[in-house]
Amino acid sequence: MATTTATINGMSCAHCTRAVFTALGGVDGVSRADVSIGKAIIEHDGSVSHDAIREAISIAGYEVADFRDDRRTLPVV
């Protein structure tokens, strides 16, 4: 499992967050998206590219300014 955080320009309201959330839900490999104004935290299977995320957000009408990837690791026991 991997997590990608996208910083998004142009979002200013609840409608914006719903549009981005809906768009990200259509990307194969995305299991969860927490969207707030200006940011989306996307959990995915690791196969999702920045380009796929950028395209989905663009279709919703917004622009990705930056990405940050965080690979999840299992806890050491």
Protein backbone atom coordinates (compact mmCIF):
# COMPACT_ATOMS: atom_id res chain seq x y z
CA MET A 1 0.00 0.00 0.00
CA ALA A 2 1.26 3.48 -0.82
CA THR A 3 0.10 6.99 -0.02
CA THR A 4 0.45 10.01 -2.30
CA THR A 5 -0.36 13.54 -1.17
CA ALA A 6 -1.29 15.97 -3.93
CA THR A 7 -1.29 19.73 -3.36
CA ILE A 8 -4.07 21.14 -5.53
CA ASN A 9 -4.54 24.69 -6.84
CA GLY A 10 -7.92 26.30 -7.47
CA MET A 11 -10.02 24.59 -4.80
CA SER A 12 -12.13 26.86 -2.61
CA CYS A 13 -15.32 25.09 -1.51
CA ALA A 14 -17.08 21.85 -0.59
CA HIS A 15 -18.12 21.36 -4.22
CA CYS A 16 -14.43 21.38 -5.17
CA THR A 17 -13.61 18.63 -2.68
CA ARG A 18 -16.53 16.48 -3.90
CA ALA A 19 -15.47 16.90 -7.54
CA VAL A 20 -11.89 15.83 -6.80
CA PHE A 21 -13.03 12.96 -4.57
CA THR A 22 -15.33 11.66 -7.31
CA ALA A 23 -12.63 11.97 -9.98
CA LEU A 24 -10.06 10.10 -7.88
CA GLY A 25 -12.57 7.32 -7.23
CA GLY A 26 -12.43 6.49 -10.93
CA VAL A 27 -8.67 5.86 -10.97
CA ASP A 28 -7.80 2.14 -11.02
CA GLY A 29 -5.72 1.21 -7.99
CA VAL A 30 -7.00 4.00 -5.71
CA SER A 31 -8.50 2.49 -2.56
CA ARG A 32 -9.19 5.69 -0.61
CA ALA A 33 -8.97 9.46 -1.01
CA ASP A 34 -9.22 12.02 1.77
CA VAL A 35 -9.82 15.36 0.05
CA SER A 36 -9.80 18.76 1.69
CA ILE A 37 -9.50 22.23 0.19
CA GLY A 38 -6.10 22.38 -1.50
CA LYS A 39 -5.01 18.81 -0.75
CA ALA A 40 -5.78 15.15 -1.42
CA ILE A 41 -4.27 12.22 0.44
CA ILE A 42 -4.61 9.21 -1.82
CA GLU A 43 -4.13 5.60 -0.69
CA HIS A 44 -3.42 3.23 -3.55
CA ASP A 45 -1.89 -0.12 -4.45
CA GLY A 46 1.41 1.40 -5.61
CA SER A 47 0.63 1.13 -9.32
CA VAL A 48 -1.01 4.57 -9.59
CA SER A 49 1.17 7.14 -11.36
CA HIS A 50 1.34 10.85 -10.73
CA ASP A 51 0.12 11.32 -14.29
CA ALA A 52 -3.06 9.30 -13.59
CA ILE A 53 -3.75 11.36 -10.46
CA ARG A 54 -2.97 14.62 -12.25
CA GLU A 55 -5.29 13.71 -15.15
CA ALA A 56 -8.20 12.80 -12.83
CA ILE A 57 -7.83 16.04 -10.89
CA SER A 58 -7.55 17.99 -14.15
CA ILE A 59 -10.80 16.44 -15.39
CA ALA A 60 -12.41 17.69 -12.17
CA GLY A 61 -11.21 21.18 -13.13
CA TYR A 62 -8.19 21.68 -10.85
CA GLU A 63 -4.40 21.65 -11.13
CA VAL A 64 -1.88 19.63 -9.12
CA ALA A 65 0.93 21.84 -7.85
CA ASP A 66 3.02 19.16 -6.13
CA PHE A 67 3.17 15.49 -5.11
CA ARG A 68 4.64 13.75 -2.08
CA ASP A 69 4.86 9.95 -1.93
CA ASP A 70 4.98 7.94 1.27
CA ARG A 71 5.45 4.20 1.06
CA ARG A 72 3.83 2.35 3.89
CA THR A 73 5.83 -0.22 5.75
CA LEU A 74 4.74 -2.97 8.06
CA PRO A 75 5.50 -2.47 11.75
CA VAL A 76 8.52 -4.32 13.04
CA VAL A 77 7.57 -6.80 15.75
